[in-house]
Amino acid sequence: MALACPKCLGETEVSCTNSSPAFVERWRKCKECNYSFQTVEFIKVDMALLEYANDIVEAYKGYFYKEPKQKGKG
């Protein structure tokens, strides 16, 4: 299903796409009235899940990774 034109609700087509790891930008043009507009898609992060993942990483940090001993110290 194509995105409707915000001006006339006509059918639109994508004229250009630019993507990055964080978001996708699309420039669209209406086939009916030739109105051009931009849409942006981004990743929505669940902060509770992100905090939980950070807690797990911190809890097991010493288990999987040992800090190297510095030369000249005990």
C-alpha atoms as a PDB file:
ATOM      1  CA  MET A   1       0.000   0.000   0.000  1.00  0.00           C
ATOM      2  CA  ALA A   2       1.460   3.338  -1.070  1.00  0.00           C
ATOM      3  CA  LEU A   3       1.554   6.393   1.166  1.00  0.00           C
ATOM      4  CA  ALA A   4      -1.206   8.920   0.343  1.00  0.00           C
ATOM      5  CA  CYS A   5      -0.412  12.499  -0.589  1.00  0.00           C
ATOM      6  CA  PRO A   6      -0.947  14.840   2.407  1.00  0.00           C
ATOM      7  CA  LYS A   7      -2.331  17.532   0.084  1.00  0.00           C
ATOM      8  CA  CYS A   8      -4.868  15.668  -2.086  1.00  0.00           C
ATOM      9  CA  LEU A   9      -4.754  12.041  -0.792  1.00  0.00           C
ATOM     10  CA  GLY A  10      -3.636  10.899  -4.237  1.00  0.00           C
ATOM     11  CA  GLU A  11      -1.218   8.043  -4.919  1.00  0.00           C
ATOM     12  CA  THR A  12       2.474   8.819  -4.449  1.00  0.00           C
ATOM     13  CA  GLU A  13       5.749   7.400  -5.669  1.00  0.00           C
ATOM     14  CA  VAL A  14       9.228   7.443  -4.137  1.00  0.00           C
ATOM     15  CA  SER A  15      11.592   9.648  -6.117  1.00  0.00           C
ATOM     16  CA  CYS A  16      14.695   9.285  -3.908  1.00  0.00           C
ATOM     17  CA  THR A  17      15.784   7.277  -0.842  1.00  0.00           C
ATOM     18  CA  ASN A  18      18.661   8.014   1.520  1.00  0.00           C
ATOM     19  CA  SER A  19      19.389   5.546   4.311  1.00  0.00           C
ATOM     20  CA  SER A  20      21.702   5.484   7.309  1.00  0.00           C
ATOM     21  CA  PRO A  21      22.007   3.091  10.260  1.00  0.00           C
ATOM     22  CA  ALA A  22      19.627   5.278  12.293  1.00  0.00           C
ATOM     23  CA  PHE A  23      16.951   6.290   9.796  1.00  0.00           C
ATOM     24  CA  VAL A  24      15.649   6.234   6.217  1.00  0.00           C
ATOM     25  CA  GLU A  25      14.650   9.419   4.363  1.00  0.00           C
ATOM     26  CA  ARG A  26      12.373   9.226   1.351  1.00  0.00           C
ATOM     27  CA  TRP A  27      11.378  11.977  -1.034  1.00  0.00           C
ATOM     28  CA  ARG A  28       7.962  11.343  -2.530  1.00  0.00           C
ATOM     29  CA  LYS A  29       5.908  12.922  -5.269  1.00  0.00           C
ATOM     30  CA  CYS A  30       2.159  12.772  -5.808  1.00  0.00           C
ATOM     31  CA  LYS A  31       1.052  11.292  -9.130  1.00  0.00           C
ATOM     32  CA  GLU A  32      -2.138  13.382  -9.028  1.00  0.00           C
ATOM     33  CA  CYS A  33      -1.111  16.932  -8.024  1.00  0.00           C
ATOM     34  CA  ASN A  34       2.733  16.685  -8.289  1.00  0.00           C
ATOM     35  CA  TYR A  35       3.145  17.781  -4.646  1.00  0.00           C
ATOM     36  CA  SER A  36       6.566  16.752  -3.286  1.00  0.00           C
ATOM     37  CA  PHE A  37       7.236  15.887   0.341  1.00  0.00           C
ATOM     38  CA  GLN A  38       9.701  14.026   2.529  1.00  0.00           C
ATOM     39  CA  THR A  39       9.149  11.155   4.960  1.00  0.00           C
ATOM     40  CA  VAL A  40      11.550   9.876   7.621  1.00  0.00           C
ATOM     41  CA  GLU A  41      11.534   6.400   9.157  1.00  0.00           C
ATOM     42  CA  PHE A  42      13.538   5.757  12.329  1.00  0.00           C
ATOM     43  CA  ILE A  43      14.122   3.002  14.834  1.00  0.00           C
ATOM     44  CA  LYS A  44      12.123   3.379  18.024  1.00  0.00           C
ATOM     45  CA  VAL A  45      13.998   2.036  21.039  1.00  0.00           C
ATOM     46  CA  ASP A  46      12.227   0.612  24.075  1.00  0.00           C
ATOM     47  CA  MET A  47      14.174   2.302  26.893  1.00  0.00           C
ATOM     48  CA  ALA A  48      13.246  -0.360  29.479  1.00  0.00           C
ATOM     49  CA  LEU A  49      14.662  -3.065  27.210  1.00  0.00           C
ATOM     50  CA  LEU A  50      17.786  -1.008  26.557  1.00  0.00           C
ATOM     51  CA  GLU A  51      18.352  -0.498  30.306  1.00  0.00           C
ATOM     52  CA  TYR A  52      17.853  -4.234  30.913  1.00  0.00           C
ATOM     53  CA  ALA A  53      20.406  -5.092  28.205  1.00  0.00           C
ATOM     54  CA  ASN A  54      22.908  -2.625  29.704  1.00  0.00           C
ATOM     55  CA  ASP A  55      22.384  -4.160  33.154  1.00  0.00           C
ATOM     56  CA  ILE A  56      23.076  -7.652  31.777  1.00  0.00           C
ATOM     57  CA  VAL A  57      26.242  -6.465  30.023  1.00  0.00           C
ATOM     58  CA  GLU A  58      27.473  -4.789  33.221  1.00  0.00           C
ATOM     59  CA  ALA A  59      26.656  -7.873  35.332  1.00  0.00           C
ATOM     60  CA  TYR A  60      28.694 -10.206  33.095  1.00  0.00           C
ATOM     61  CA  LYS A  61      31.427  -7.754  32.084  1.00  0.00           C
ATOM     62  CA  GLY A  62      34.054  -9.218  34.440  1.00  0.00           C
ATOM     63  CA  TYR A  63      33.070 -12.765  33.555  1.00  0.00           C
ATOM     64  CA  PHE A  64      33.784 -12.430  29.832  1.00  0.00           C
ATOM     65  CA  TYR A  65      36.453  -9.747  29.828  1.00  0.00           C
ATOM     66  CA  LYS A  66      39.388  -9.339  32.172  1.00  0.00           C
ATOM     67  CA  GLU A  67      41.203  -6.004  32.355  1.00  0.00           C
ATOM     68  CA  PRO A  68      44.875  -6.438  31.382  1.00  0.00           C
ATOM     69  CA  LYS A  69      47.346  -5.830  34.193  1.00  0.00           C
ATOM     70  CA  GLN A  70      49.399  -2.698  33.788  1.00  0.00           C
ATOM     71  CA  LYS A  71      53.163  -3.088  33.642  1.00  0.00           C
ATOM     72  CA  GLY A  72      54.918  -2.234  36.861  1.00  0.00           C
ATOM     73  CA  LYS A  73      51.826  -2.658  39.048  1.00  0.00           C
ATOM     74  CA  GLY A  74      51.210  -5.509  41.494  1.00  0.00           C
END
